[in-house]
Every structure is written in C-alpha cells, then in structure tokens.
Amino acid sequence: MIRKTIEFATPGTRLSVANRQLVIERPNLPKATLPIEDLGVVIVDDVRASYTQAVFIELLEAGATVMVTGRDHLPAGMMLPLNAHHVQTERHRAQVGVSEPVKKRAWQVLIQSKIAQQGAVLTHFTGGHGGLAPMSRRVRSGDPDNLEAQAAQRYWPRLFGREFRRDRDLDGVNAILNYGYAVVRAATARAVVAAGLIPSLGVFHRNRANPFCLADDLLEPYRPYVDWRVRLLIDETGDATPSLDDRDIRAALLSLFNETVLVGGRRMPLLLGLHASAASLCRALTGGERALVLPEGLPLAPDLLDIEGEG
C-alpha cells in the first residue's frame, strides 16, 4: 500500500486521535478523519496547530514520520519511529561494523546515480546533458576527485540560468528547493528506518550534529526529481521567483511522491522507490551485496504509462 504524504497548513488546526483515525479540526471547516495506517509522512505547517499526545504515539507506532515546520515553511524538526523492523538490532550491529571500502563503494554508486540523474534533467530542459553523463561514469570509489561538486558547477547555471547560485540561505528558487529536499528527506529517513538501519550512521555524511546522515546519503540520487519539479513549476507559471507562501507550490512538490519512476528497472511510485533503494542499501551494508537499486531517469509521462500498460 502506498502511504500518503499529508500537509496541514490551515491556521488553528487541531489534531487528535479516535478509533485509529486521525481527527482533523480546522476553523470554519467540517471535521475530517484519516485512517492512521494510511499515513506515511505528516507535515504540519501551522505555528498555531495543537495536538493530543496520542497523535504522536499512534502515528509513530504505525510507522509514520511527523515533520513540523517553522514560520518560513521549512522543517524545524522531525520524529521517526524507533521500532520499525523485526531484526533491527541485528542489522544495527552489522551496520556498525561495515568496512570503509564498502562505504566508499556505496557512495560511488550513489553519486554516479545522482550525476546521471542531473544529466537527465538537463537533457529534458536544455536538449543536452552538459557533459554529466560521461562524468557520472568516471566517479571512483569514495569519489576522491569530488566529481559531485564538479557536476554541480555545470548543472545549476544550465538549469536555472547563469546568475543562479545554489545557496540554502537564499529565498526564491533556493527556498523552494530546500522545501522539496526536506520533504523527500523525511520520506527517505522513514525508508531507512523501515529497512532496519541506523539513520545517523552514514556512508559519507558524518556531521555529528546530523541524526540523518544515512538518509542524506540515500537522498542524493533523488534530489534531481525535486530540481525537475521546481524547473517545471517555473516554466509552467512563468514566475522566476516563486515563494513558499504559495500553497500550490508546496502541494506540487508533495505530489512528487505519486510520480511513477524507474527504480532498479521497475516502474513504481517514487515513494515506494525510496523504500526499494533503502532495502538495497541495507543489503549492501549488512549482507555484502554490491549492487544498489536506484532511480533511472525522469518520471514517466502518463501517456507512456498508458502505452506500456496496454502492452
């Protein structure tokens, strides 16, 4: 079953639980309910929201992730379930003992995929991959040449214009990208925990203040999907300086999870793709498998899905 990603942004929202249903009360709107087991990521973008303790308990016990945002609409915190896999302790022990060569090989494959995905995004919007396709094939174990950064130098000005500078602290396109990455990061962290892994033990990311280093590792090849959606929004609206205050923009980014993508050669919703990738990363880190199941190319167009389905 595909779990839903839900955002609550109506000022004054009150959330409670009754009979395994999330009860939503909003000013001047009828009371609504959602089955707890249908929810995968719950985002609360309302500084006036209130909750009962049961909301967090029920959501976490059901395996959902809860993310709350600040006044700037960007994530301020995230909660993940602790008991997400029946052999969690066994996998934790194996993950702690993973060798550096295994970690470096995993990072190599993740960055190869990320750069190839960036090339696919550029090809879609500009007609050429900007040299990223062959660059992805040159990434070595651990990426000692830092081809990830070299690819970024080519990628961003080609995608958003020569004057664009990727800066997490800037507004406009940068803020929209931050929001999109944060939402997909929350789903990635949930997938990592569901696979029985420790989200703070990364294969490359090692910031001691970051509790989601492994999620950030796995997020890399999925970031270009956010870039693709943001560029689409700019092209469709003609607005080169979009704002996170626009709920339609946030909704469009959340809809990414429903896009059908190729992951490991199989068509699946992006949200399930994250879980497939997390499971393969778990096998690589704890079971010795070398291959990772990662995204391949852009979301499939509805007409292409229809044609393939008829076959």
Protein backbone atom coordinates (compact mmCIF):
# COMPACT_ATOMS: atom_id res chain seq x y z
CA MET A 1 0.00 0.00 0.00
CA ILE A 2 1.26 3.49 -0.84
CA ARG A 3 1.25 5.62 2.28
CA LYS A 4 0.02 9.20 1.95
CA THR A 5 2.03 12.37 2.49
CA ILE A 6 -0.22 14.97 4.09
CA GLU A 7 0.39 18.66 4.85
CA PHE A 8 -1.74 20.62 7.34
CA ALA A 9 -1.43 24.37 6.81
CA THR A 10 -4.78 25.87 7.85
CA PRO A 11 -4.16 28.26 10.79
CA GLY A 12 -5.57 26.91 14.05
CA THR A 13 -5.61 23.23 13.07
CA ARG A 14 -6.22 20.81 15.93
CA LEU A 15 -5.20 17.15 15.59
CA SER A 16 -6.37 14.29 17.78
CA VAL A 17 -6.97 10.54 17.50
CA ALA A 18 -10.11 8.45 17.86
CA ASN A 19 -10.65 4.81 16.86
CA ARG A 20 -7.35 4.62 14.91
CA GLN A 21 -8.38 7.69 12.93
CA LEU A 22 -6.53 10.99 12.79
CA VAL A 23 -9.15 13.62 13.59
CA ILE A 24 -8.63 16.99 11.92
CA GLU A 25 -10.44 20.08 13.19
CA ARG A 26 -9.97 23.42 11.40
CA PRO A 27 -11.72 26.76 11.89
CA ASN A 28 -14.79 27.19 9.67
CA LEU A 29 -14.33 23.75 8.11
CA PRO A 30 -16.10 20.45 8.83
CA LYS A 31 -14.32 17.89 10.98
CA ALA A 32 -12.40 15.33 8.91
CA THR A 33 -10.73 12.00 9.63
CA LEU A 34 -7.98 9.91 8.03
CA PRO A 35 -7.01 6.30 8.82
CA ILE A 36 -3.72 6.31 10.76
CA GLU A 37 -2.38 3.31 8.82
CA ASP A 38 -2.71 5.20 5.52
CA LEU A 39 -0.28 7.93 6.54
CA GLY A 40 3.44 7.84 5.76
CA VAL A 41 4.63 11.43 6.24
CA VAL A 42 2.63 14.06 8.12
CA ILE A 43 3.75 17.69 7.71
CA VAL A 44 2.32 20.36 9.98
CA ASP A 45 2.90 23.84 8.57
CA ASP A 46 0.92 25.82 11.13
CA VAL A 47 2.52 27.57 14.10
CA ARG A 48 -0.89 27.67 15.81
CA ALA A 49 -1.55 23.92 15.48
CA SER A 50 -2.31 21.88 18.59
CA TYR A 51 -2.13 18.13 19.21
CA THR A 52 -3.01 15.47 21.70
CA GLN A 53 -0.18 13.20 22.83
CA ALA A 54 -1.99 10.29 21.19
CA VAL A 55 -1.38 11.82 17.76
CA PHE A 56 2.37 11.30 18.02
CA ILE A 57 2.07 7.89 19.68
CA GLU A 58 -0.37 6.49 17.11
CA LEU A 59 1.46 7.88 14.08
CA LEU A 60 4.87 6.64 15.24
CA GLU A 61 3.53 3.21 16.19
CA ALA A 62 2.04 2.97 12.69
CA GLY A 63 5.46 3.74 11.19
CA ALA A 64 4.72 7.29 10.05
CA THR A 65 7.10 10.24 10.11
CA VAL A 66 5.99 13.55 11.61
CA MET A 67 7.60 16.78 10.38
CA VAL A 68 6.86 20.25 11.73
CA THR A 69 7.85 23.48 10.01
CA GLY A 70 8.70 26.97 11.21
CA ARG A 71 7.34 30.34 10.15
CA ASP A 72 9.43 30.15 6.97
CA HIS A 73 7.61 26.91 5.98
CA LEU A 74 10.90 24.98 6.21
CA PRO A 75 11.30 21.96 8.54
CA ALA A 76 12.09 22.71 12.17
CA GLY A 77 12.04 19.11 13.39
CA MET A 78 11.18 15.52 12.54
CA MET A 79 10.11 12.44 14.51
CA LEU A 80 10.69 8.86 13.38
CA PRO A 81 9.53 5.53 14.84
CA LEU A 82 12.16 3.62 16.86
CA ASN A 83 10.81 0.11 16.26
CA ALA A 84 10.48 -0.21 12.52
CA HIS A 85 11.92 -3.63 11.67
CA HIS A 86 11.75 -7.04 13.32
CA VAL A 87 15.52 -7.66 13.01
CA GLN A 88 16.52 -4.10 13.73
CA THR A 89 19.14 -4.88 16.42
CA GLU A 90 20.85 -7.48 14.23
CA ARG A 91 21.07 -5.05 11.33
CA HIS A 92 22.31 -2.28 13.59
CA ARG A 93 25.23 -4.46 14.70
CA ALA A 94 26.08 -5.30 11.09
CA GLN A 95 25.85 -1.66 10.04
CA VAL A 96 28.18 -0.52 12.81
CA GLY A 97 30.80 -2.99 11.57
CA VAL A 98 30.68 -2.01 7.89
CA SER A 99 34.18 -1.53 6.43
CA GLU A 100 35.34 1.70 4.81
CA PRO A 101 35.75 0.08 1.36
CA VAL A 102 32.09 -0.99 1.43
CA LYS A 103 31.01 2.53 2.42
CA LYS A 104 33.13 4.07 -0.32
CA ARG A 105 31.68 1.74 -2.96
CA ALA A 106 28.16 2.62 -1.84
CA TRP A 107 28.95 6.35 -2.04
CA GLN A 108 30.45 5.84 -5.51
CA VAL A 109 27.23 4.27 -6.80
CA LEU A 110 25.03 6.92 -5.15
CA ILE A 111 26.99 9.77 -6.73
CA GLN A 112 27.14 8.04 -10.11
CA SER A 113 23.35 7.84 -10.00
CA LYS A 114 22.95 11.45 -8.82
CA ILE A 115 25.11 12.89 -11.61
CA ALA A 116 23.40 10.71 -14.23
CA GLN A 117 20.02 11.93 -12.93
CA GLN A 118 21.18 15.53 -13.14
CA GLY A 119 22.22 14.87 -16.73
CA ALA A 120 18.73 13.54 -17.47
CA VAL A 121 17.17 16.70 -16.01
CA LEU A 122 19.40 18.92 -18.15
CA THR A 123 18.64 16.87 -21.26
CA HIS A 124 14.91 17.30 -20.66
CA PHE A 125 15.07 21.09 -20.34
CA THR A 126 18.06 22.07 -22.47
CA GLY A 127 18.44 19.27 -25.01
CA GLY A 128 21.87 18.24 -23.73
CA HIS A 129 23.36 16.62 -20.62
CA GLY A 130 26.14 19.19 -20.25
CA GLY A 131 28.80 16.51 -20.05
CA LEU A 132 27.28 14.96 -16.94
CA ALA A 133 26.50 11.58 -18.49
CA PRO A 134 30.17 10.68 -19.13
CA MET A 135 31.18 12.36 -15.86
CA SER A 136 28.92 10.00 -13.92
CA ARG A 137 30.80 7.03 -15.33
CA ARG A 138 34.14 8.42 -14.11
CA VAL A 139 33.18 8.51 -10.43
CA ARG A 140 35.56 6.29 -8.47
CA SER A 141 35.15 4.57 -5.10
CA GLY A 142 34.53 7.25 -2.48
CA ASP A 143 34.51 9.96 -5.19
CA PRO A 144 38.07 11.13 -4.37
CA ASP A 145 38.01 13.54 -7.34
CA ASN A 146 34.88 15.23 -5.95
CA LEU A 147 33.07 14.87 -9.25
CA GLU A 148 29.85 15.56 -7.35
CA ALA A 149 30.96 19.19 -6.85
CA GLN A 150 32.28 19.47 -10.41
CA ALA A 151 28.94 18.27 -11.73
CA ALA A 152 27.12 20.86 -9.59
CA GLN A 153 29.19 23.66 -11.13
CA ARG A 154 27.95 22.65 -14.56
CA TYR A 155 24.44 21.73 -13.50
CA TRP A 156 22.97 24.72 -11.65
CA PRO A 157 23.70 27.52 -14.17
CA ARG A 158 22.43 25.36 -17.02
CA LEU A 159 19.23 24.50 -15.17
CA PHE A 160 18.28 27.87 -13.64
CA GLY A 161 20.39 30.39 -15.53
CA ARG A 162 23.92 31.76 -15.36
CA GLU A 163 23.14 34.07 -12.46
CA PHE A 164 21.73 31.32 -10.27
CA ARG A 165 23.73 30.37 -7.19
CA ARG A 166 22.73 27.41 -5.04
CA ASP A 167 22.57 28.80 -1.51
CA ARG A 168 20.44 27.29 1.24
CA ASP A 169 20.03 30.68 2.92
CA LEU A 170 18.52 32.49 -0.08
CA ASP A 171 14.83 32.89 -0.91
CA GLY A 172 13.04 32.22 -4.18
CA VAL A 173 14.12 29.12 -6.08
CA ASN A 174 16.59 28.18 -3.35
CA ALA A 175 13.88 28.15 -0.69
CA ILE A 176 11.61 26.05 -2.91
CA LEU A 177 14.44 23.57 -3.46
CA ASN A 178 15.09 23.46 0.29
CA TYR A 179 11.45 22.60 0.97
CA GLY A 180 11.36 19.90 -1.69
CA TYR A 181 14.57 18.30 -0.46
CA ALA A 182 13.34 18.42 3.15
CA VAL A 183 10.09 16.64 2.32
CA VAL A 184 11.83 13.91 0.31
CA ARG A 185 14.46 13.67 3.06
CA ALA A 186 11.74 12.94 5.61
CA ALA A 187 10.39 10.13 3.44
CA THR A 188 13.94 8.85 2.89
CA ALA A 189 14.63 8.79 6.62
CA ARG A 190 11.43 6.83 7.14
CA ALA A 191 12.50 4.33 4.46
CA VAL A 192 15.95 3.92 6.04
CA VAL A 193 14.46 3.23 9.47
CA ALA A 194 11.88 0.86 7.96
CA ALA A 195 14.78 -1.10 6.42
CA GLY A 196 16.23 -1.64 9.90
CA LEU A 197 19.18 0.76 9.58
CA ILE A 198 20.53 3.47 11.90
CA PRO A 199 19.79 6.77 10.12
CA SER A 200 22.65 8.64 11.86
CA LEU A 201 25.43 6.31 10.57
CA GLY A 202 26.13 7.47 7.04
CA VAL A 203 28.42 6.07 4.38
CA PHE A 204 29.70 9.58 3.55
CA HIS A 205 27.87 12.21 5.59
CA ARG A 206 29.43 12.35 9.07
CA ASN A 207 28.27 15.57 10.70
CA ARG A 208 28.00 14.73 14.40
CA ALA A 209 25.05 17.12 14.74
CA ASN A 210 23.10 15.38 11.95
CA PRO A 211 20.87 12.49 13.09
CA PHE A 212 20.00 11.57 9.49
CA CYS A 213 23.39 11.13 7.80
CA LEU A 214 22.42 7.87 6.07
CA ALA A 215 19.16 9.37 4.85
CA ASP A 216 21.16 12.25 3.37
CA ASP A 217 23.41 9.74 1.59
CA LEU A 218 20.46 7.91 0.05
CA LEU A 219 18.71 11.19 -0.79
CA GLU A 220 21.42 12.25 -3.27
CA PRO A 221 20.16 10.40 -6.39
CA TYR A 222 16.58 11.52 -5.59
CA ARG A 223 17.39 15.23 -5.34
CA PRO A 224 17.19 15.76 -9.13
CA TYR A 225 13.49 14.87 -9.02
CA VAL A 226 12.95 17.96 -6.88
CA ASP A 227 15.04 20.05 -9.30
CA TRP A 228 12.94 18.74 -12.18
CA ARG A 229 9.67 19.64 -10.48
CA VAL A 230 10.87 23.13 -9.50
CA ARG A 231 12.01 23.90 -13.05
CA LEU A 232 8.66 22.63 -14.35
CA LEU A 233 6.83 24.96 -11.94
CA ILE A 234 8.86 27.93 -13.13
CA ASP A 235 8.23 27.09 -16.79
CA GLU A 236 4.51 26.50 -16.25
CA THR A 237 3.85 29.62 -14.15
CA GLY A 238 6.37 31.96 -15.75
CA ASP A 239 7.39 33.03 -12.24
CA ALA A 240 11.17 33.03 -11.88
CA THR A 241 10.96 33.97 -8.18
CA PRO A 242 8.42 31.56 -6.64
CA SER A 243 7.52 31.81 -2.95
CA LEU A 244 6.95 29.12 -0.35
CA ASP A 245 3.94 31.13 0.82
CA ASP A 246 2.15 29.74 -2.24
CA ARG A 247 0.39 26.57 -1.08
CA ASP A 248 0.01 25.38 -4.69
CA ILE A 249 3.79 25.24 -4.99
CA ARG A 250 4.13 23.19 -1.83
CA ALA A 251 1.34 20.88 -2.99
CA ALA A 252 3.10 20.39 -6.34
CA LEU A 253 6.28 19.34 -4.55
CA LEU A 254 4.39 16.91 -2.32
CA SER A 255 2.81 15.35 -5.42
CA LEU A 256 6.27 14.13 -6.43
CA PHE A 257 5.68 11.04 -4.32
CA ASN A 258 2.91 9.96 -6.70
CA GLU A 259 5.10 10.19 -9.80
CA THR A 260 5.92 6.86 -11.44
CA VAL A 261 9.65 6.34 -11.78
CA LEU A 262 12.05 3.60 -12.81
CA VAL A 263 13.97 2.19 -9.85
CA GLY A 264 16.19 -0.80 -10.47
CA GLY A 265 14.46 -1.32 -13.82
CA ARG A 266 10.97 -1.50 -12.29
CA ARG A 267 8.17 1.06 -12.53
CA MET A 268 6.85 2.21 -9.16
CA PRO A 269 5.66 5.37 -7.35
CA LEU A 270 8.58 7.45 -6.15
CA LEU A 271 7.64 6.85 -2.52
CA LEU A 272 7.96 3.08 -3.00
CA GLY A 273 11.16 3.67 -4.92
CA LEU A 274 12.70 5.18 -1.79
CA HIS A 275 11.87 2.02 0.14
CA ALA A 276 13.30 -0.20 -2.60
CA SER A 277 16.51 1.83 -2.57
CA ALA A 278 16.72 1.73 1.24
CA ALA A 279 16.25 -2.04 1.25
CA SER A 280 19.04 -2.47 -1.31
CA LEU A 281 21.32 -0.18 0.70
CA CYS A 282 20.62 -2.32 3.74
CA ARG A 283 21.62 -5.46 1.81
CA ALA A 284 24.80 -3.74 0.63
CA LEU A 285 25.78 -2.63 4.13
CA THR A 286 24.75 -5.69 6.11
CA GLY A 287 24.63 -8.54 3.60
CA GLY A 288 27.56 -7.94 1.29
CA GLU A 289 25.63 -7.21 -1.91
CA ARG A 290 27.41 -4.78 -4.21
CA ALA A 291 24.53 -3.52 -6.33
CA LEU A 292 22.14 -0.76 -5.27
CA VAL A 293 18.60 -0.30 -6.57
CA LEU A 294 18.46 3.37 -7.57
CA PRO A 295 16.35 5.68 -9.76
CA GLU A 296 16.90 5.75 -13.50
CA GLY A 297 15.83 8.82 -15.45
CA LEU A 298 12.90 11.20 -15.05
CA PRO A 299 9.31 10.35 -14.04
CA LEU A 300 7.42 8.51 -16.75
CA ALA A 301 4.85 10.55 -18.64
CA PRO A 302 1.21 9.42 -18.26
CA ASP A 303 0.89 8.72 -22.00
CA LEU A 304 3.96 6.48 -21.88
CA LEU A 305 2.50 4.61 -18.92
CA ASP A 306 -0.73 4.07 -20.85
CA ILE A 307 1.13 2.71 -23.87
CA GLU A 308 3.28 0.39 -21.75
CA GLY A 309 0.25 -0.75 -19.81
CA GLU A 310 -1.57 -1.76 -22.98
CA GLY A 311 1.31 -3.99 -23.96
